[in-house]
C-alpha atoms as a PDB file:
ATOM      1  CA  UNK A   1     118.488 159.762  75.115  1.00  0.00           C
ATOM      2  CA  UNK A   2     121.797 158.698  76.692  1.00  0.00           C
ATOM      3  CA  UNK A   3     125.034 160.046  75.260  1.00  0.00           C
ATOM      4  CA  UNK A   4     125.949 156.605  73.777  1.00  0.00           C
ATOM      5  CA  UNK A   5     129.566 157.535  73.011  1.00  0.00           C
ATOM      6  CA  UNK A   6     132.145 159.361  75.084  1.00  0.00           C
ATOM      7  CA  UNK A   7     135.023 161.209  73.420  1.00  0.00           C
ATOM      8  CA  UNK A   8     138.209 162.123  75.263  1.00  0.00           C
ATOM      9  CA  UNK A   9     141.458 163.521  73.906  1.00  0.00           C
ATOM     10  CA  UNK A  10     144.815 163.295  75.633  1.00  0.00           C
ATOM     11  CA  UNK A  11     147.841 164.542  73.776  1.00  0.00           C
ATOM     12  CA  UNK A  12     147.823 163.201  70.223  1.00  0.00           C
ATOM     13  CA  UNK A  13     145.354 160.378  70.961  1.00  0.00           C
ATOM     14  CA  UNK A  14     141.558 160.623  70.868  1.00  0.00           C
ATOM     15  CA  UNK A  15     139.564 157.819  72.481  1.00  0.00           C
ATOM     16  CA  UNK A  16     135.974 157.145  71.402  1.00  0.00           C
ATOM     17  CA  UNK A  17     134.188 154.924  73.908  1.00  0.00           C
ATOM     18  CA  UNK A  18     130.922 153.124  73.154  1.00  0.00           C
ATOM     19  CA  UNK A  19     128.819 153.750  76.257  1.00  0.00           C
ATOM     20  CA  UNK A  20     125.529 151.852  76.081  1.00  0.00           C
ATOM     21  CA  UNK A  21     126.323 148.877  78.339  1.00  0.00           C
ATOM     22  CA  UNK A  22     122.679 147.949  78.989  1.00  0.00           C
ATOM     23  CA  UNK A  23     122.321 147.162  75.262  1.00  0.00           C
ATOM     24  CA  UNK A  24     125.815 145.637  75.052  1.00  0.00           C
ATOM     25  CA  UNK A  25     126.802 148.638  72.896  1.00  0.00           C
ATOM     26  CA  UNK A  26     124.605 147.381  70.064  1.00  0.00           C
ATOM     27  CA  UNK A  27     124.869 149.226  66.756  1.00  0.00           C
ATOM     28  CA  UNK A  28     121.318 150.478  66.542  1.00  0.00           C
ATOM     29  CA  UNK A  29     120.505 153.619  64.587  1.00  0.00           C
ATOM     30  CA  UNK A  30     121.168 156.011  67.513  1.00  0.00           C
ATOM     31  CA  UNK A  31     124.537 154.397  68.262  1.00  0.00           C
ATOM     32  CA  UNK A  32     125.552 154.468  64.598  1.00  0.00           C
ATOM     33  CA  UNK A  33     124.610 158.146  64.412  1.00  0.00           C
ATOM     34  CA  UNK A  34     126.595 158.944  67.550  1.00  0.00           C
ATOM     35  CA  UNK A  35     129.613 156.901  66.493  1.00  0.00           C
ATOM     36  CA  UNK A  36     129.584 158.354  62.992  1.00  0.00           C
ATOM     37  CA  UNK A  37     129.521 161.872  64.398  1.00  0.00           C
ATOM     38  CA  UNK A  38     132.378 161.145  66.797  1.00  0.00           C
ATOM     39  CA  UNK A  39     134.484 159.643  64.022  1.00  0.00           C
ATOM     40  CA  UNK A  40     133.870 162.648  61.779  1.00  0.00           C
ATOM     41  CA  UNK A  41     134.948 165.035  64.537  1.00  0.00           C
ATOM     42  CA  UNK A  42     138.056 162.982  65.268  1.00  0.00           C
ATOM     43  CA  UNK A  43     138.976 162.804  61.587  1.00  0.00           C
ATOM     44  CA  UNK A  44     138.848 166.603  61.345  1.00  0.00           C
ATOM     45  CA  UNK A  45     140.834 167.134  64.544  1.00  0.00           C
ATOM     46  CA  UNK A  46     144.557 167.320  65.275  1.00  0.00           C
ATOM     47  CA  UNK A  47     144.523 163.789  66.714  1.00  0.00           C
ATOM     48  CA  UNK A  48     147.145 161.483  65.278  1.00  0.00           C
ATOM     49  CA  UNK A  49     145.597 158.224  66.466  1.00  0.00           C
ATOM     50  CA  UNK A  50     142.031 157.241  67.387  1.00  0.00           C
ATOM     51  CA  UNK A  51     141.294 154.472  69.894  1.00  0.00           C
ATOM     52  CA  UNK A  52     137.874 152.802  69.807  1.00  0.00           C
ATOM     53  CA  UNK A  53     136.934 151.342  73.198  1.00  0.00           C
ATOM     54  CA  UNK A  54     133.741 150.354  75.025  1.00  0.00           C
ATOM     55  CA  UNK A  55     132.215 150.175  78.500  1.00  0.00           C
ATOM     56  CA  UNK A  56     130.301 147.288  80.059  1.00  0.00           C
ATOM     57  CA  UNK A  57     130.731 143.553  79.770  1.00  0.00           C
ATOM     58  CA  UNK A  58     130.712 143.527  75.953  1.00  0.00           C
ATOM     59  CA  UNK A  59     132.715 145.469  73.390  1.00  0.00           C
ATOM     60  CA  UNK A  60     129.815 145.382  70.922  1.00  0.00           C
ATOM     61  CA  UNK A  61     127.059 142.827  70.389  1.00  0.00           C
ATOM     62  CA  UNK A  62     126.319 143.802  66.801  1.00  0.00           C
ATOM     63  CA  UNK A  63     123.063 145.206  65.485  1.00  0.00           C
ATOM     64  CA  UNK A  64     120.040 145.809  67.705  1.00  0.00           C
ATOM     65  CA  UNK A  65     117.823 142.802  66.950  1.00  0.00           C
ATOM     66  CA  UNK A  66     114.760 144.466  68.473  1.00  0.00           C
ATOM     67  CA  UNK A  67     115.184 147.392  66.092  1.00  0.00           C
ATOM     68  CA  UNK A  68     115.553 145.025  63.130  1.00  0.00           C
ATOM     69  CA  UNK A  69     112.347 143.254  64.114  1.00  0.00           C
ATOM     70  CA  UNK A  70     110.421 146.497  64.676  1.00  0.00           C
ATOM     71  CA  UNK A  71     111.341 147.655  61.186  1.00  0.00           C
ATOM     72  CA  UNK A  72     109.491 144.659  59.744  1.00  0.00           C
ATOM     73  CA  UNK A  73     106.174 146.262  60.695  1.00  0.00           C
ATOM     74  CA  UNK A  74     106.385 148.667  57.758  1.00  0.00           C
ATOM     75  CA  UNK A  75     104.247 148.041  54.672  1.00  0.00           C
ATOM     76  CA  UNK A  76     107.251 146.829  52.695  1.00  0.00           C
ATOM     77  CA  UNK A  77     108.251 144.402  55.441  1.00  0.00           C
ATOM     78  CA  UNK A  78     111.049 146.702  56.535  1.00  0.00           C
ATOM     79  CA  UNK A  79     113.086 146.513  53.327  1.00  0.00           C
ATOM     80  CA  UNK A  80     113.646 150.280  53.014  1.00  0.00           C
ATOM     81  CA  UNK A  81     114.434 150.706  56.698  1.00  0.00           C
ATOM     82  CA  UNK A  82     116.784 147.718  56.686  1.00  0.00           C
ATOM     83  CA  UNK A  83     118.583 149.063  53.605  1.00  0.00           C
ATOM     84  CA  UNK A  84     118.959 152.482  55.246  1.00  0.00           C
ATOM     85  CA  UNK A  85     120.309 150.936  58.454  1.00  0.00           C
ATOM     86  CA  UNK A  86     122.943 148.845  56.708  1.00  0.00           C
ATOM     87  CA  UNK A  87     123.899 151.770  54.479  1.00  0.00           C
ATOM     88  CA  UNK A  88     124.430 153.814  57.656  1.00  0.00           C
ATOM     89  CA  UNK A  89     126.493 151.028  59.184  1.00  0.00           C
ATOM     90  CA  UNK A  90     128.612 150.727  56.038  1.00  0.00           C
ATOM     91  CA  UNK A  91     129.155 154.480  56.183  1.00  0.00           C
ATOM     92  CA  UNK A  92     130.548 154.184  59.706  1.00  0.00           C
ATOM     93  CA  UNK A  93     132.863 151.368  58.638  1.00  0.00           C
ATOM     94  CA  UNK A  94     134.054 153.392  55.660  1.00  0.00           C
ATOM     95  CA  UNK A  95     134.642 156.383  57.939  1.00  0.00           C
ATOM     96  CA  UNK A  96     137.071 154.268  59.965  1.00  0.00           C
ATOM     97  CA  UNK A  97     138.902 153.166  56.832  1.00  0.00           C
ATOM     98  CA  UNK A  98     138.937 156.688  55.352  1.00  0.00           C
ATOM     99  CA  UNK A  99     139.957 158.540  58.523  1.00  0.00           C
ATOM    100  CA  UNK A 100     143.405 160.101  58.152  1.00  0.00           C
ATOM    101  CA  UNK A 101     144.424 158.686  61.525  1.00  0.00           C
ATOM    102  CA  UNK A 102     145.004 155.016  62.305  1.00  0.00           C
ATOM    103  CA  UNK A 103     142.116 153.623  64.380  1.00  0.00           C
ATOM    104  CA  UNK A 104     142.918 151.037  67.058  1.00  0.00           C
ATOM    105  CA  UNK A 105     140.201 148.837  68.598  1.00  0.00           C
ATOM    106  CA  UNK A 106     140.631 148.227  72.339  1.00  0.00           C
ATOM    107  CA  UNK A 107     138.581 145.065  72.882  1.00  0.00           C
ATOM    108  CA  UNK A 108     137.874 143.994  76.450  1.00  0.00           C
ATOM    109  CA  UNK A 109     134.938 141.622  75.951  1.00  0.00           C
ATOM    110  CA  UNK A 110     132.643 140.013  73.425  1.00  0.00           C
ATOM    111  CA  UNK A 111     132.619 141.383  69.860  1.00  0.00           C
ATOM    112  CA  UNK A 112     129.972 139.643  67.797  1.00  0.00           C
ATOM    113  CA  UNK A 113     128.381 140.106  64.358  1.00  0.00           C
ATOM    114  CA  UNK A 114     128.640 143.819  63.480  1.00  0.00           C
ATOM    115  CA  UNK A 115     130.754 144.238  66.612  1.00  0.00           C
ATOM    116  CA  UNK A 116     133.268 141.795  65.154  1.00  0.00           C
ATOM    117  CA  UNK A 117     132.964 143.745  61.895  1.00  0.00           C
ATOM    118  CA  UNK A 118     133.903 146.883  63.820  1.00  0.00           C
ATOM    119  CA  UNK A 119     137.083 145.243  65.144  1.00  0.00           C
ATOM    120  CA  UNK A 120     137.970 143.879  61.704  1.00  0.00           C
ATOM    121  CA  UNK A 121     137.494 147.312  60.150  1.00  0.00           C
ATOM    122  CA  UNK A 122     139.870 149.094  62.524  1.00  0.00           C
ATOM    123  CA  UNK A 123     143.470 149.408  61.365  1.00  0.00           C
ATOM    124  CA  UNK A 124     144.782 147.588  64.436  1.00  0.00           C
ATOM    125  CA  UNK A 125     143.338 145.882  67.493  1.00  0.00           C
ATOM    126  CA  UNK A 126     144.513 145.034  70.998  1.00  0.00           C
ATOM    127  CA  UNK A 127     142.412 142.489  72.890  1.00  0.00           C
ATOM    128  CA  UNK A 128     142.059 141.335  76.454  1.00  0.00           C
ATOM    129  CA  UNK A 129     142.515 137.631  77.127  1.00  0.00           C
ATOM    130  CA  UNK A 130     138.809 137.625  78.000  1.00  0.00           C
ATOM    131  CA  UNK A 131     137.695 138.896  74.577  1.00  0.00           C
ATOM    132  CA  UNK A 132     135.727 136.641  72.248  1.00  0.00           C
ATOM    133  CA  UNK A 133     134.906 137.144  68.584  1.00  0.00           C
ATOM    134  CA  UNK A 134     132.173 135.701  66.394  1.00  0.00           C
ATOM    135  CA  UNK A 135     129.689 136.265  63.591  1.00  0.00           C
ATOM    136  CA  UNK A 136     126.919 134.080  64.920  1.00  0.00           C
ATOM    137  CA  UNK A 137     123.905 135.506  63.118  1.00  0.00           C
ATOM    138  CA  UNK A 138     123.564 132.179  61.326  1.00  0.00           C
ATOM    139  CA  UNK A 139     122.418 130.692  64.651  1.00  0.00           C
ATOM    140  CA  UNK A 140     119.332 132.912  64.324  1.00  0.00           C
ATOM    141  CA  UNK A 141     118.866 132.177  60.633  1.00  0.00           C
ATOM    142  CA  UNK A 142     120.653 135.355  59.524  1.00  0.00           C
ATOM    143  CA  UNK A 143     123.967 134.987  57.668  1.00  0.00           C
ATOM    144  CA  UNK A 144     126.263 137.892  58.675  1.00  0.00           C
ATOM    145  CA  UNK A 145     126.685 139.164  55.129  1.00  0.00           C
ATOM    146  CA  UNK A 146     127.744 142.724  55.966  1.00  0.00           C
ATOM    147  CA  UNK A 147     130.301 141.725  58.663  1.00  0.00           C
ATOM    148  CA  UNK A 148     131.575 139.261  56.048  1.00  0.00           C
ATOM    149  CA  UNK A 149     133.054 142.141  54.026  1.00  0.00           C
ATOM    150  CA  UNK A 150     135.513 143.180  56.734  1.00  0.00           C
ATOM    151  CA  UNK A 151     136.104 139.639  57.963  1.00  0.00           C
ATOM    152  CA  UNK A 152     137.198 138.279  54.586  1.00  0.00           C
ATOM    153  CA  UNK A 153     139.678 141.167  54.330  1.00  0.00           C
ATOM    154  CA  UNK A 154     141.288 140.165  57.647  1.00  0.00           C
ATOM    155  CA  UNK A 155     141.206 136.371  57.689  1.00  0.00           C
ATOM    156  CA  UNK A 156     141.828 133.606  55.194  1.00  0.00           C
ATOM    157  CA  UNK A 157     138.685 132.885  53.208  1.00  0.00           C
ATOM    158  CA  UNK A 158     138.152 129.368  54.523  1.00  0.00           C
ATOM    159  CA  UNK A 159     138.454 130.439  58.152  1.00  0.00           C
ATOM    160  CA  UNK A 160     136.178 133.415  57.569  1.00  0.00           C
ATOM    161  CA  UNK A 161     133.536 131.257  55.885  1.00  0.00           C
ATOM    162  CA  UNK A 162     133.716 128.684  58.673  1.00  0.00           C
ATOM    163  CA  UNK A 163     132.998 131.347  61.273  1.00  0.00           C
ATOM    164  CA  UNK A 164     130.160 132.778  59.197  1.00  0.00           C
ATOM    165  CA  UNK A 165     128.601 129.396  58.428  1.00  0.00           C
ATOM    166  CA  UNK A 166     128.936 127.802  61.888  1.00  0.00           C
ATOM    167  CA  UNK A 167     128.484 130.768  64.209  1.00  0.00           C
ATOM    168  CA  UNK A 168     131.286 129.544  66.465  1.00  0.00           C
ATOM    169  CA  UNK A 169     133.335 132.000  68.486  1.00  0.00           C
ATOM    170  CA  UNK A 170     137.095 132.506  68.541  1.00  0.00           C
ATOM    171  CA  UNK A 171     138.918 133.226  71.764  1.00  0.00           C
ATOM    172  CA  UNK A 172     141.486 136.008  71.838  1.00  0.00           C
ATOM    173  CA  UNK A 173     144.391 133.676  71.157  1.00  0.00           C
ATOM    174  CA  UNK A 174     142.846 132.277  67.993  1.00  0.00           C
ATOM    175  CA  UNK A 175     141.858 135.775  66.888  1.00  0.00           C
ATOM    176  CA  UNK A 176     145.480 136.866  67.223  1.00  0.00           C
ATOM    177  CA  UNK A 177     146.761 133.828  65.324  1.00  0.00           C
ATOM    178  CA  UNK A 178     144.176 134.452  62.584  1.00  0.00           C
ATOM    179  CA  UNK A 179     145.192 138.093  62.172  1.00  0.00           C
ATOM    180  CA  UNK A 180     142.024 139.690  63.532  1.00  0.00           C
ATOM    181  CA  UNK A 181     143.896 141.335  66.420  1.00  0.00           C
ATOM    182  CA  UNK A 182     147.512 142.435  66.771  1.00  0.00           C
ATOM    183  CA  UNK A 183     148.138 141.746  70.445  1.00  0.00           C
ATOM    184  CA  UNK A 184     146.473 139.882  73.319  1.00  0.00           C
ATOM    185  CA  UNK A 185     147.187 141.126  76.822  1.00  0.00           C
ATOM    186  CA  UNK A 186     145.812 140.702  80.320  1.00  0.00           C
ATOM    187  CA  UNK A 187     142.663 142.631  81.197  1.00  0.00           C
ATOM    188  CA  UNK A 188     144.636 144.770  83.649  1.00  0.00           C
ATOM    189  CA  UNK A 189     147.140 145.755  80.950  1.00  0.00           C
ATOM    190  CA  UNK A 190     144.681 146.359  78.092  1.00  0.00           C
ATOM    191  CA  UNK A 191     144.315 150.114  78.379  1.00  0.00           C
ATOM    192  CA  UNK A 192     148.025 150.721  78.988  1.00  0.00           C
ATOM    193  CA  UNK A 193     149.141 148.453  76.128  1.00  0.00           C
ATOM    194  CA  UNK A 194     146.676 150.035  73.715  1.00  0.00           C
ATOM    195  CA  UNK A 195     147.839 153.473  74.766  1.00  0.00           C
ATOM    196  CA  UNK A 196     151.475 152.475  74.281  1.00  0.00           C
ATOM    197  CA  UNK A 197     150.743 151.299  70.730  1.00  0.00           C
ATOM    198  CA  UNK A 198     148.817 154.499  70.005  1.00  0.00           C
ATOM    199  CA  UNK A 199     151.630 156.671  71.345  1.00  0.00           C
ATOM    200  CA  UNK A 200     154.197 154.789  69.263  1.00  0.00           C
ATOM    201  CA  UNK A 201     152.230 155.457  66.076  1.00  0.00           C
ATOM    202  CA  UNK A 202     151.492 159.052  67.118  1.00  0.00           C
ATOM    203  CA  UNK A 203     155.210 159.731  67.449  1.00  0.00           C
ATOM    204  CA  UNK A 204     155.722 159.271  63.688  1.00  0.00           C
ATOM    205  CA  UNK A 205     155.476 162.004  61.081  1.00  0.00           C
ATOM    206  CA  UNK A 206     151.703 162.593  60.626  1.00  0.00           C
ATOM    207  CA  UNK A 207     151.932 163.173  56.871  1.00  0.00           C
ATOM    208  CA  UNK A 208     153.731 159.867  56.375  1.00  0.00           C
ATOM    209  CA  UNK A 209     151.172 157.917  58.399  1.00  0.00           C
ATOM    210  CA  UNK A 210     148.242 159.647  56.693  1.00  0.00           C
ATOM    211  CA  UNK A 211     149.563 158.949  53.199  1.00  0.00           C
ATOM    212  CA  UNK A 212     150.580 155.431  54.173  1.00  0.00           C
ATOM    213  CA  UNK A 213     147.218 154.489  55.652  1.00  0.00           C
ATOM    214  CA  UNK A 214     145.334 155.616  52.576  1.00  0.00           C
ATOM    215  CA  UNK A 215     147.669 153.740  50.260  1.00  0.00           C
ATOM    216  CA  UNK A 216     147.682 150.634  52.446  1.00  0.00           C
ATOM    217  CA  UNK A 217     143.949 150.089  52.206  1.00  0.00           C
ATOM    218  CA  UNK A 218     143.658 151.149  48.573  1.00  0.00           C
ATOM    219  CA  UNK A 219     146.387 148.841  47.248  1.00  0.00           C
ATOM    220  CA  UNK A 220     145.217 145.818  49.229  1.00  0.00           C
ATOM    221  CA  UNK A 221     142.159 145.440  47.028  1.00  0.00           C
ATOM    222  CA  UNK A 222     143.809 146.088  43.653  1.00  0.00           C
ATOM    223  CA  UNK A 223     145.567 143.793  41.172  1.00  0.00           C
ATOM    224  CA  UNK A 224     149.343 143.773  41.632  1.00  0.00           C
ATOM    225  CA  UNK A 225     150.143 146.142  38.755  1.00  0.00           C
ATOM    226  CA  UNK A 226     147.574 148.690  39.953  1.00  0.00           C
ATOM    227  CA  UNK A 227     148.740 148.259  43.537  1.00  0.00           C
ATOM    228  CA  UNK A 228     152.327 149.084  42.602  1.00  0.00           C
ATOM    229  CA  UNK A 229     151.232 152.152  40.629  1.00  0.00           C
ATOM    230  CA  UNK A 230     149.174 153.373  43.564  1.00  0.00           C
ATOM    231  CA  UNK A 231     152.024 152.657  45.994  1.00  0.00           C
ATOM    232  CA  UNK A 232     154.435 154.558  43.722  1.00  0.00           C
ATOM    233  CA  UNK A 233     152.200 157.619  43.770  1.00  0.00           C
ATOM    234  CA  UNK A 234     151.929 157.417  47.553  1.00  0.00           C
ATOM    235  CA  UNK A 235     155.647 157.145  48.223  1.00  0.00           C
ATOM    236  CA  UNK A 236     156.444 159.939  45.748  1.00  0.00           C
ATOM    237  CA  UNK A 237     153.891 162.194  47.469  1.00  0.00           C
ATOM    238  CA  UNK A 238     155.465 161.295  50.804  1.00  0.00           C
ATOM    239  CA  UNK A 239     158.934 162.142  49.501  1.00  0.00           C
ATOM    240  CA  UNK A 240     157.743 165.574  48.352  1.00  0.00           C
ATOM    241  CA  UNK A 241     156.913 166.540  51.943  1.00  0.00           C
ATOM    242  CA  UNK A 242     159.670 168.822  53.340  1.00  0.00           C
ATOM    243  CA  UNK A 243     159.512 167.078  56.700  1.00  0.00           C
ATOM    244  CA  UNK A 244     160.227 163.750  55.013  1.00  0.00           C
ATOM    245  CA  UNK A 245     163.295 165.234  53.373  1.00  0.00           C
ATOM    246  CA  UNK A 246     164.395 166.514  56.775  1.00  0.00           C
ATOM    247  CA  UNK A 247     163.774 163.099  58.354  1.00  0.00           C
ATOM    248  CA  UNK A 248     165.947 161.350  55.765  1.00  0.00           C
ATOM    249  CA  UNK A 249     168.719 163.956  56.033  1.00  0.00           C
ATOM    250  CA  UNK A 250     168.669 163.706  59.825  1.00  0.00           C
ATOM    251  CA  UNK A 251     169.054 159.935  59.582  1.00  0.00           C
ATOM    252  CA  UNK A 252     172.005 160.312  57.211  1.00  0.00           C
ATOM    253  CA  UNK A 253     173.595 162.823  59.573  1.00  0.00           C
ATOM    254  CA  UNK A 254     172.843 160.681  62.637  1.00  0.00           C
ATOM    255  CA  UNK A 255     170.806 163.363  64.445  1.00  0.00           C
ATOM    256  CA  UNK A 256     167.172 163.808  65.524  1.00  0.00           C
ATOM    257  CA  UNK A 257     164.912 165.279  62.807  1.00  0.00           C
ATOM    258  CA  UNK A 258     163.881 168.924  63.112  1.00  0.00           C
ATOM    259  CA  UNK A 259     160.350 168.434  61.840  1.00  0.00           C
ATOM    260  CA  UNK A 260     158.172 171.502  61.469  1.00  0.00           C
ATOM    261  CA  UNK A 261     155.167 169.369  62.476  1.00  0.00           C
ATOM    262  CA  UNK A 262     156.601 167.163  65.251  1.00  0.00           C
END
């Protein structure tokens, strides 16, 4: 069994690289297991930012269609196996959302179906000009219902439904305009630009970013009154951190902060 993911840490940034290029980094059960394990380790580490990258000509081609078909041979037509697979996939997506560190997708090539879901789930994304994005399962007779969850939380509903219902792909420029990715850069600059973004975020007070990320995702799916209550609790918790008090005092005194956890 190949390693499937490679994990490397440099300074405050951990990079998880999907490494199954022959299968276009498809999210089959082994890949989901490997990626889930890597995310869990990163979440428990001292890393301040996680970058999700990939090797080969594709970022991620979605689920392994051969595995989905093989599961149909079971007596129940594959229902139990399919449910378990998509539960596992949802668990990986939730792990990205629930990680204390921001997760940045570094997208160099095609990201389709669950691969597009992976990009949409990350907190930020930097894409090469060569990247393409789509949820084209409908072309095979399979509406991308699970990628739909992340996609409708990133794009306007009409644009998201159009992509899901037509199977058409977006180029990197359209993906940036639609809000799926933050920045589009040349292929040669992709790694450096992603690293620069990661380092910028990593330079901030970790407690503030951790609290802020959790509150950001939680409030986005709540009614306004609940969102404000949740945001209040988050900012009060942030203010109770001694390093936050030091950061504010340093700003008032026009000096660098003397954080205990720089």
